[in-house]
């Protein structure tokens, strides 16, 4: 049975290997903020970087809007060794269920945040995102906030399995077409 999180994962600008990883590792998938669509909306954007502390690892920051607290939260996915074979998620889970591939966000800061790297990047306001200087990111953030307001006013639409499959098919077609464009 397809769920909304499966569709969101495929719509994210994740590498194919990370999408596959999410589908193969349910504990990883379930720990992603947007796996809780009653509280979070995926921004549909990632911020990638590397760190001097562990230069071979790729840091993938993904953003979700907390509809209750009304600010953005950034969790981090690490592409271990930059090889797209193993991924680690750093987040803060209310149920404190961490495991082999899901660790508490404080572990991220201990490993990758030395010398102030990534300081103050877990909770972000719209102004913080604007300060990054990427107009597309700011526009996505504003659209996400507007969607959260519409959901708050009108309630959330629960898509049928047919709707989910149709959207997933369209996402996969668009991803395939973008790979064909050189």
Protein backbone atom coordinates (compact mmCIF):
# COMPACT_ATOMS: atom_id res chain seq x y z
CA UNK A 1 0.00 0.00 0.00
CA UNK A 2 1.39 3.36 -1.05
CA UNK A 3 1.48 6.20 1.46
CA UNK A 4 2.01 9.93 1.14
CA UNK A 5 5.57 9.67 2.45
CA UNK A 6 6.54 7.43 -0.48
CA UNK A 7 5.29 10.08 -2.88
CA UNK A 8 7.03 12.92 -1.01
CA UNK A 9 10.35 11.04 -1.00
CA UNK A 10 10.20 10.60 -4.77
CA UNK A 11 9.29 14.27 -5.22
CA UNK A 12 12.29 15.43 -3.17
CA UNK A 13 15.44 16.43 -5.04
CA UNK A 14 17.21 13.35 -3.69
CA UNK A 15 19.62 11.19 -5.68
CA UNK A 16 18.08 7.94 -6.92
CA UNK A 17 20.27 5.99 -4.49
CA UNK A 18 18.91 7.96 -1.52
CA UNK A 19 15.33 7.38 -2.68
CA UNK A 20 16.05 3.64 -2.91
CA UNK A 21 17.67 3.76 0.54
CA UNK A 22 14.53 5.35 2.03
CA UNK A 23 12.35 2.61 0.55
CA UNK A 24 14.67 -0.19 1.76
CA UNK A 25 15.09 1.17 5.30
CA UNK A 26 11.70 1.83 6.92
CA UNK A 27 13.25 3.12 10.16
CA UNK A 28 15.07 5.76 8.09
CA UNK A 29 11.97 6.65 6.07
CA UNK A 30 9.76 6.85 9.17
CA UNK A 31 12.21 9.19 10.92
CA UNK A 32 12.11 11.80 8.14
CA UNK A 33 10.17 14.85 9.31
CA UNK A 34 7.80 14.76 6.36
CA UNK A 35 6.81 11.20 7.32
CA UNK A 36 4.55 13.00 9.77
CA UNK A 37 2.42 15.07 7.36
CA UNK A 38 0.04 16.11 10.14
CA UNK A 39 2.85 18.24 11.59
CA UNK A 40 5.37 18.85 8.81
CA UNK A 41 5.42 19.91 5.18
CA UNK A 42 8.47 19.11 3.07
CA UNK A 43 9.99 22.18 1.50
CA UNK A 44 11.12 20.15 -1.51
CA UNK A 45 14.62 21.58 -1.34
CA UNK A 46 17.98 20.40 -0.07
CA UNK A 47 21.16 22.21 0.85
CA UNK A 48 24.30 20.18 0.22
CA UNK A 49 27.71 20.85 1.68
CA UNK A 50 30.85 19.23 2.93
CA UNK A 51 32.70 19.79 6.14
CA UNK A 52 36.36 20.06 7.02
CA UNK A 53 35.70 17.75 9.95
CA UNK A 54 34.81 14.79 7.71
CA UNK A 55 35.62 15.95 4.16
CA UNK A 56 34.63 12.74 2.35
CA UNK A 57 31.06 12.82 3.65
CA UNK A 58 28.40 14.83 1.82
CA UNK A 59 26.02 16.70 4.11
CA UNK A 60 22.45 16.92 2.77
CA UNK A 61 20.28 19.31 4.73
CA UNK A 62 16.58 18.94 4.08
CA UNK A 63 13.97 21.34 5.32
CA UNK A 64 10.47 20.77 6.64
CA UNK A 65 8.00 23.35 7.88
CA UNK A 66 6.63 22.69 11.36
CA UNK A 67 2.98 23.66 10.98
CA UNK A 68 2.41 23.85 14.74
CA UNK A 69 5.49 25.84 15.72
CA UNK A 70 5.51 27.82 12.45
CA UNK A 71 9.18 27.63 11.56
CA UNK A 72 11.43 25.44 9.47
CA UNK A 73 13.43 22.56 10.83
CA UNK A 74 16.50 21.24 9.08
CA UNK A 75 17.63 17.70 9.59
CA UNK A 76 20.73 16.25 8.00
CA UNK A 77 21.30 13.19 5.87
CA UNK A 78 24.91 12.15 5.45
CA UNK A 79 26.02 10.47 2.25
CA UNK A 80 28.80 8.45 3.89
CA UNK A 81 32.02 8.82 1.93
CA UNK A 82 30.12 10.55 -0.88
CA UNK A 83 29.59 7.15 -2.55
CA UNK A 84 25.75 7.04 -2.48
CA UNK A 85 25.86 3.60 -0.85
CA UNK A 86 25.13 4.30 2.83
CA UNK A 87 23.18 7.15 4.39
CA UNK A 88 22.75 8.34 7.99
CA UNK A 89 19.92 10.57 9.17
CA UNK A 90 20.40 12.99 12.04
CA UNK A 91 17.15 14.24 13.55
CA UNK A 92 15.31 14.72 16.82
CA UNK A 93 12.56 12.16 17.33
CA UNK A 94 9.91 12.63 19.99
CA UNK A 95 9.76 8.88 20.62
CA UNK A 96 13.57 8.64 20.88
CA UNK A 97 13.73 5.57 18.60
CA UNK A 98 17.18 5.81 17.06
CA UNK A 99 19.07 3.04 15.33
CA UNK A 100 21.83 2.07 12.96
CA UNK A 101 20.97 4.69 10.35
CA UNK A 102 19.09 7.25 12.45
CA UNK A 103 20.87 9.24 15.13
CA UNK A 104 20.01 12.21 17.35
CA UNK A 105 20.78 15.62 15.86
CA UNK A 106 23.26 16.30 18.68
CA UNK A 107 25.42 13.47 17.31
CA UNK A 108 25.54 15.36 14.00
CA UNK A 109 26.79 18.51 15.71
CA UNK A 110 29.37 16.53 17.69
CA UNK A 111 30.78 14.93 14.54
CA UNK A 112 30.27 17.53 11.81
CA UNK A 113 29.74 20.76 13.72
CA UNK A 114 33.14 21.24 15.25
CA UNK A 115 34.52 24.77 15.21
CA UNK A 116 31.01 26.21 14.85
CA UNK A 117 30.11 24.51 11.58
CA UNK A 118 26.33 24.22 11.18
CA UNK A 119 25.67 26.31 14.30
CA UNK A 120 22.07 27.52 14.51
CA UNK A 121 20.94 25.54 11.46
CA UNK A 122 18.39 23.15 12.98
CA UNK A 123 15.58 25.71 13.45
CA UNK A 124 15.26 28.32 10.72
CA UNK A 125 12.93 31.23 10.16
CA UNK A 126 11.86 32.61 6.80
CA UNK A 127 14.35 35.42 7.37
CA UNK A 128 17.14 32.87 7.91
CA UNK A 129 16.26 31.21 4.60
CA UNK A 130 16.09 34.58 2.82
CA UNK A 131 19.58 35.37 4.16
CA UNK A 132 20.98 32.32 2.34
CA UNK A 133 20.47 34.35 -0.83
CA UNK A 134 18.80 31.71 -3.02
CA UNK A 135 15.59 33.17 -4.50
CA UNK A 136 14.19 29.72 -5.40
CA UNK A 137 14.60 28.59 -1.80
CA UNK A 138 12.87 31.70 -0.48
CA UNK A 139 10.01 31.24 -2.93
CA UNK A 140 9.58 27.59 -1.94
CA UNK A 141 9.57 28.62 1.72
CA UNK A 142 6.84 31.20 1.14
CA UNK A 143 4.78 28.69 -0.87
CA UNK A 144 5.13 26.12 1.91
CA UNK A 145 3.99 28.61 4.54
CA UNK A 146 1.00 29.55 2.35
CA UNK A 147 0.11 25.84 1.95
CA UNK A 148 0.34 25.34 5.71
CA UNK A 149 -2.09 28.23 6.20
CA UNK A 150 -4.53 26.73 3.66
CA UNK A 151 -4.31 23.35 5.40
CA UNK A 152 -4.92 25.04 8.74
CA UNK A 153 -7.98 26.84 7.37
CA UNK A 154 -9.46 24.10 5.19
CA UNK A 155 -8.12 20.85 6.61
CA UNK A 156 -5.93 18.31 4.90
CA UNK A 157 -7.09 16.30 1.89
CA UNK A 158 -6.48 12.58 2.34
CA UNK A 159 -5.56 11.29 -1.13
CA UNK A 160 -6.89 7.99 -2.37
CA UNK A 161 -4.59 5.18 -3.50
CA UNK A 162 -5.47 6.02 -7.11
CA UNK A 163 -4.48 9.67 -6.57
CA UNK A 164 -1.22 8.67 -4.89
CA UNK A 165 -0.33 6.26 -7.70
CA UNK A 166 -1.17 8.88 -10.33
CA UNK A 167 1.00 11.53 -8.66
CA UNK A 168 3.85 9.06 -8.18
CA UNK A 169 3.68 8.09 -11.86
CA UNK A 170 3.88 11.76 -12.88
CA UNK A 171 6.82 12.39 -10.55
CA UNK A 172 8.72 9.40 -11.93
CA UNK A 173 8.03 10.49 -15.51
CA UNK A 174 9.29 14.00 -14.75
CA UNK A 175 12.42 12.62 -13.06
CA UNK A 176 13.07 10.39 -16.08
CA UNK A 177 12.58 13.28 -18.51
CA UNK A 178 14.98 15.47 -16.54
CA UNK A 179 17.64 12.74 -16.81
CA UNK A 180 17.26 12.70 -20.59
CA UNK A 181 17.91 16.43 -20.89
CA UNK A 182 21.61 17.05 -21.33
